[in-house]
N, C-alpha and C. Protein backbone atom coordinates (compact mmCIF):
# COMPACT_ATOMS: atom_id res chain seq x y z
N GLN A 1 53.92 72.49 77.60
CA GLN A 1 52.65 72.11 77.01
C GLN A 1 52.67 70.72 76.39
N GLY A 2 53.83 70.09 76.23
CA GLY A 2 53.93 68.76 75.67
C GLY A 2 53.61 68.74 74.20
N GLN A 3 53.06 67.63 73.76
CA GLN A 3 52.73 67.48 72.35
C GLN A 3 51.36 68.08 72.05
N LEU A 4 51.15 68.41 70.77
CA LEU A 4 49.89 68.99 70.34
C LEU A 4 49.23 68.05 69.34
N VAL A 5 47.95 67.78 69.54
CA VAL A 5 47.21 66.90 68.63
C VAL A 5 46.03 67.68 68.07
N GLU A 6 46.00 67.79 66.76
CA GLU A 6 44.95 68.54 66.10
C GLU A 6 43.84 67.62 65.60
N SER A 7 42.66 68.17 65.50
CA SER A 7 41.51 67.43 64.96
C SER A 7 40.51 68.43 64.39
N GLY A 8 39.54 67.91 63.65
CA GLY A 8 38.45 68.75 63.16
C GLY A 8 38.51 69.11 61.70
N GLY A 9 39.60 68.77 61.01
CA GLY A 9 39.68 69.07 59.60
C GLY A 9 38.75 68.17 58.79
N GLY A 10 38.65 68.47 57.51
CA GLY A 10 37.81 67.64 56.65
C GLY A 10 37.45 68.35 55.37
N LEU A 11 36.46 67.78 54.69
CA LEU A 11 35.97 68.32 53.43
C LEU A 11 34.64 69.01 53.68
N VAL A 12 34.51 70.24 53.20
CA VAL A 12 33.29 71.01 53.39
C VAL A 12 33.02 71.84 52.14
N GLN A 13 31.76 72.11 51.88
CA GLN A 13 31.41 72.95 50.74
C GLN A 13 31.64 74.41 51.06
N ALA A 14 31.85 75.19 50.04
CA ALA A 14 32.00 76.63 50.23
C ALA A 14 30.79 77.19 50.98
N GLY A 15 31.07 78.06 51.92
CA GLY A 15 30.02 78.62 52.76
C GLY A 15 29.80 77.87 54.05
N GLY A 16 30.40 76.71 54.16
CA GLY A 16 30.25 75.88 55.35
C GLY A 16 31.18 76.29 56.47
N SER A 17 31.14 75.49 57.54
CA SER A 17 31.93 75.78 58.74
C SER A 17 32.66 74.54 59.22
N LEU A 18 33.76 74.77 59.87
CA LEU A 18 34.50 73.72 60.57
C LEU A 18 35.08 74.33 61.84
N ARG A 19 35.28 73.48 62.85
CA ARG A 19 35.99 73.92 64.04
C ARG A 19 37.18 73.01 64.26
N LEU A 20 38.36 73.59 64.25
CA LEU A 20 39.59 72.85 64.51
C LEU A 20 39.90 72.91 66.00
N SER A 21 40.43 71.80 66.50
CA SER A 21 40.87 71.73 67.89
C SER A 21 42.34 71.35 67.94
N CYS A 22 43.01 71.83 68.96
CA CYS A 22 44.43 71.53 69.17
C CYS A 22 44.59 71.26 70.66
N GLU A 23 44.71 69.98 71.01
CA GLU A 23 44.80 69.60 72.41
C GLU A 23 46.24 69.35 72.80
N ALA A 24 46.65 70.00 73.87
CA ALA A 24 48.01 69.83 74.39
C ALA A 24 48.04 68.70 75.41
N SER A 25 49.14 67.94 75.41
CA SER A 25 49.26 66.84 76.38
C SER A 25 49.63 67.35 77.76
N GLY A 26 50.11 68.60 77.83
CA GLY A 26 50.43 69.21 79.11
C GLY A 26 49.62 70.46 79.33
N SER A 27 49.87 71.12 80.42
CA SER A 27 49.11 72.32 80.76
C SER A 27 49.48 73.48 79.85
N ILE A 28 48.48 74.30 79.56
CA ILE A 28 48.74 75.55 78.84
C ILE A 28 48.21 76.69 79.71
N TYR A 29 48.74 77.86 79.47
CA TYR A 29 48.38 79.02 80.27
C TYR A 29 48.03 80.17 79.34
N SER A 30 47.16 81.02 79.81
CA SER A 30 46.65 82.09 78.95
C SER A 30 47.74 83.05 78.50
N PHE A 31 48.86 83.10 79.21
CA PHE A 31 49.92 84.02 78.80
C PHE A 31 50.84 83.40 77.75
N TYR A 32 50.63 82.13 77.39
CA TYR A 32 51.42 81.51 76.33
C TYR A 32 51.07 82.12 74.99
N SER A 33 52.03 82.27 74.13
CA SER A 33 51.73 82.65 72.76
C SER A 33 51.17 81.41 72.05
N MET A 34 50.09 81.62 71.30
CA MET A 34 49.41 80.53 70.60
C MET A 34 48.98 81.03 69.24
N ALA A 35 48.97 80.14 68.28
CA ALA A 35 48.64 80.57 66.93
C ALA A 35 48.15 79.41 66.08
N TRP A 36 47.46 79.76 65.03
CA TRP A 36 47.12 78.84 63.94
C TRP A 36 47.79 79.37 62.66
N HIS A 37 48.39 78.44 61.93
CA HIS A 37 49.01 78.74 60.65
C HIS A 37 48.39 77.81 59.61
N ARG A 38 48.59 78.10 58.35
CA ARG A 38 48.15 77.18 57.31
C ARG A 38 49.14 77.21 56.14
N GLN A 39 49.14 76.10 55.42
CA GLN A 39 50.00 75.99 54.24
C GLN A 39 49.22 75.35 53.12
N ALA A 40 49.01 76.11 52.06
CA ALA A 40 48.33 75.60 50.88
C ALA A 40 49.37 74.98 49.94
N PRO A 41 48.95 74.08 49.06
CA PRO A 41 49.89 73.45 48.14
C PRO A 41 50.67 74.48 47.33
N GLY A 42 51.98 74.35 47.31
CA GLY A 42 52.82 75.23 46.53
C GLY A 42 53.04 76.60 47.13
N LYS A 43 52.53 76.81 48.34
CA LYS A 43 52.67 78.13 48.98
C LYS A 43 53.41 78.00 50.31
N GLN A 44 53.89 79.13 50.78
CA GLN A 44 54.56 79.15 52.08
C GLN A 44 53.52 79.10 53.21
N ARG A 45 53.97 78.62 54.36
CA ARG A 45 53.10 78.61 55.53
C ARG A 45 52.82 80.05 55.94
N GLU A 46 51.57 80.33 56.28
CA GLU A 46 51.19 81.68 56.65
C GLU A 46 50.43 81.68 57.98
N LEU A 47 50.54 82.80 58.68
CA LEU A 47 49.83 82.97 59.93
C LEU A 47 48.35 83.24 59.66
N VAL A 48 47.49 82.53 60.38
CA VAL A 48 46.05 82.73 60.26
C VAL A 48 45.53 83.56 61.42
N ALA A 49 45.90 83.19 62.63
CA ALA A 49 45.44 83.88 63.83
C ALA A 49 46.42 83.63 64.95
N ALA A 50 46.51 84.58 65.88
CA ALA A 50 47.48 84.42 66.96
C ALA A 50 47.06 85.18 68.21
N PHE A 51 47.32 84.54 69.36
CA PHE A 51 47.26 85.22 70.65
C PHE A 51 48.70 85.59 71.00
N SER A 52 48.90 86.82 71.39
CA SER A 52 50.22 87.17 71.88
C SER A 52 50.28 86.92 73.39
N SER A 53 51.48 86.91 73.94
CA SER A 53 51.62 86.72 75.38
C SER A 53 50.99 87.87 76.14
N GLY A 54 50.82 89.02 75.49
CA GLY A 54 50.19 90.16 76.12
C GLY A 54 48.68 90.11 76.09
N GLY A 55 48.12 89.10 75.38
CA GLY A 55 46.67 88.92 75.40
C GLY A 55 45.94 89.42 74.18
N SER A 56 46.62 90.07 73.24
CA SER A 56 45.93 90.56 72.06
C SER A 56 45.77 89.44 71.03
N THR A 57 44.80 89.60 70.15
CA THR A 57 44.54 88.61 69.10
C THR A 57 44.65 89.29 67.74
N THR A 58 45.35 88.64 66.84
CA THR A 58 45.45 89.16 65.47
C THR A 58 44.99 88.10 64.49
N TYR A 59 44.44 88.55 63.38
CA TYR A 59 43.97 87.68 62.31
C TYR A 59 44.54 88.15 60.98
N ALA A 60 44.79 87.20 60.10
CA ALA A 60 45.14 87.54 58.73
C ALA A 60 43.96 88.27 58.10
N ASP A 61 44.26 89.22 57.24
CA ASP A 61 43.19 89.99 56.59
C ASP A 61 42.23 89.07 55.85
N SER A 62 42.74 87.99 55.30
CA SER A 62 41.92 87.10 54.49
C SER A 62 40.88 86.33 55.30
N VAL A 63 41.03 86.28 56.63
CA VAL A 63 40.08 85.51 57.45
C VAL A 63 39.32 86.37 58.44
N LYS A 64 39.64 87.65 58.52
CA LYS A 64 38.95 88.52 59.48
C LYS A 64 37.45 88.50 59.25
N GLY A 65 36.72 88.39 60.36
CA GLY A 65 35.26 88.36 60.28
C GLY A 65 34.70 86.98 59.99
N ARG A 66 35.55 86.03 59.63
CA ARG A 66 35.08 84.67 59.32
C ARG A 66 35.63 83.64 60.30
N PHE A 67 36.85 83.82 60.76
CA PHE A 67 37.50 82.88 61.66
C PHE A 67 37.59 83.48 63.06
N THR A 68 37.45 82.63 64.07
CA THR A 68 37.60 83.06 65.45
C THR A 68 38.46 82.05 66.20
N MET A 69 39.48 82.56 66.83
CA MET A 69 40.38 81.73 67.62
C MET A 69 40.00 81.86 69.09
N SER A 70 39.99 80.73 69.79
CA SER A 70 39.68 80.75 71.22
C SER A 70 40.50 79.68 71.93
N ARG A 71 40.44 79.67 73.24
CA ARG A 71 41.19 78.68 74.00
C ARG A 71 40.41 78.33 75.26
N ASP A 72 40.62 77.13 75.75
CA ASP A 72 40.08 76.67 77.01
C ASP A 72 41.25 76.09 77.79
N VAL A 73 41.82 76.88 78.67
CA VAL A 73 43.02 76.41 79.38
C VAL A 73 42.68 75.26 80.32
N ALA A 74 41.44 75.19 80.78
CA ALA A 74 41.06 74.08 81.66
C ALA A 74 41.11 72.75 80.91
N LYS A 75 40.88 72.82 79.60
CA LYS A 75 40.93 71.62 78.75
C LYS A 75 42.23 71.53 77.96
N ASN A 76 43.14 72.47 78.20
CA ASN A 76 44.43 72.48 77.47
C ASN A 76 44.22 72.47 75.97
N THR A 77 43.24 73.21 75.48
CA THR A 77 42.86 73.12 74.08
C THR A 77 42.71 74.51 73.46
N LEU A 78 43.20 74.59 72.24
CA LEU A 78 43.10 75.77 71.40
C LEU A 78 42.13 75.45 70.27
N TYR A 79 41.30 76.42 69.87
CA TYR A 79 40.31 76.19 68.84
C TYR A 79 40.44 77.22 67.72
N LEU A 80 39.95 76.83 66.55
CA LEU A 80 39.79 77.78 65.44
C LEU A 80 38.43 77.49 64.81
N GLN A 81 37.48 78.41 65.03
CA GLN A 81 36.18 78.30 64.40
C GLN A 81 36.24 78.99 63.05
N MET A 82 35.92 78.25 62.01
CA MET A 82 36.01 78.77 60.65
C MET A 82 34.63 78.76 60.02
N ASN A 83 34.12 79.94 59.70
CA ASN A 83 32.81 80.08 59.08
C ASN A 83 32.96 80.67 57.68
N SER A 84 31.90 80.55 56.90
CA SER A 84 31.89 81.10 55.54
C SER A 84 33.13 80.70 54.78
N LEU A 85 33.45 79.42 54.81
CA LEU A 85 34.68 78.94 54.20
C LEU A 85 34.65 79.11 52.69
N LYS A 86 35.84 79.38 52.16
CA LYS A 86 36.03 79.59 50.72
C LYS A 86 37.01 78.57 50.18
N PRO A 87 36.97 78.27 48.89
CA PRO A 87 37.94 77.33 48.32
C PRO A 87 39.39 77.74 48.60
N GLU A 88 39.65 79.03 48.66
CA GLU A 88 41.02 79.50 48.92
C GLU A 88 41.47 79.26 50.36
N ASP A 89 40.56 78.80 51.22
CA ASP A 89 40.94 78.43 52.58
C ASP A 89 41.50 77.00 52.63
N THR A 90 41.46 76.29 51.51
CA THR A 90 41.98 74.93 51.46
C THR A 90 43.47 74.93 51.78
N ALA A 91 43.86 74.14 52.79
CA ALA A 91 45.25 74.10 53.24
C ALA A 91 45.37 73.07 54.35
N VAL A 92 46.61 72.80 54.72
CA VAL A 92 46.88 72.07 55.96
C VAL A 92 47.02 73.12 57.06
N TYR A 93 46.26 72.94 58.12
CA TYR A 93 46.25 73.89 59.23
C TYR A 93 47.07 73.34 60.39
N TYR A 94 47.93 74.18 60.93
CA TYR A 94 48.81 73.80 62.03
C TYR A 94 48.57 74.72 63.22
N CYS A 95 48.52 74.13 64.41
CA CYS A 95 48.50 74.94 65.61
C CYS A 95 49.93 75.04 66.15
N ARG A 96 50.16 76.09 66.89
CA ARG A 96 51.46 76.28 67.53
C ARG A 96 51.22 76.89 68.91
N ILE A 97 51.83 76.30 69.93
CA ILE A 97 51.80 76.86 71.28
C ILE A 97 53.25 77.02 71.71
N ARG A 98 53.60 78.25 71.92
CA ARG A 98 55.00 78.64 72.12
C ARG A 98 55.81 78.06 70.96
N GLY A 99 56.80 77.22 71.20
CA GLY A 99 57.61 76.72 70.09
C GLY A 99 57.23 75.35 69.58
N THR A 100 56.11 74.81 70.05
CA THR A 100 55.70 73.46 69.68
C THR A 100 54.59 73.52 68.63
N TRP A 101 54.74 72.67 67.59
CA TRP A 101 53.77 72.63 66.51
C TRP A 101 52.96 71.34 66.54
N GLY A 102 51.71 71.44 66.10
CA GLY A 102 50.91 70.26 65.87
C GLY A 102 51.31 69.60 64.56
N GLN A 103 50.70 68.44 64.29
CA GLN A 103 51.07 67.66 63.11
C GLN A 103 50.36 68.15 61.85
N GLY A 104 49.35 68.99 62.02
CA GLY A 104 48.61 69.50 60.88
C GLY A 104 47.34 68.73 60.63
N THR A 105 46.32 69.42 60.15
CA THR A 105 45.06 68.78 59.78
C THR A 105 44.59 69.41 58.47
N GLN A 106 44.16 68.55 57.55
CA GLN A 106 43.78 69.01 56.22
C GLN A 106 42.37 69.60 56.22
N VAL A 107 42.25 70.76 55.63
CA VAL A 107 40.94 71.39 55.40
C VAL A 107 40.80 71.57 53.89
N THR A 108 39.74 71.02 53.34
CA THR A 108 39.48 71.14 51.91
C THR A 108 38.08 71.74 51.72
N VAL A 109 38.02 72.84 50.97
CA VAL A 109 36.75 73.52 50.73
C VAL A 109 36.43 73.40 49.24
N SER A 110 35.33 72.75 48.94
CA SER A 110 34.95 72.57 47.55
C SER A 110 34.03 73.71 47.09
N SER A 111 34.12 74.03 45.81
CA SER A 111 33.32 75.14 45.27
C SER A 111 31.97 74.65 44.78
């Protein structure tokens, strides 16, 4: 899959939405494991959402019903649609495809 470049982060008010993108420099395939993680200041990195190689999708309890992960293999891109954002969603968000990580993109949600 090559390198991963993330985009779409920024500053948004509580209740707002953002869509993160993670574009791979090489081809990706639907059977690849893919995930979004986040790390808030002073906290450990945590899993937000993940596709398994078997095709199932899991979400952290804290984002269920608000975040949706999707992919477009034709565009070599992974997405994370984030709705109803809360201040506690503030973190650096990282994508991962198999063992390769993106550089991270900052998401800040103001109250």
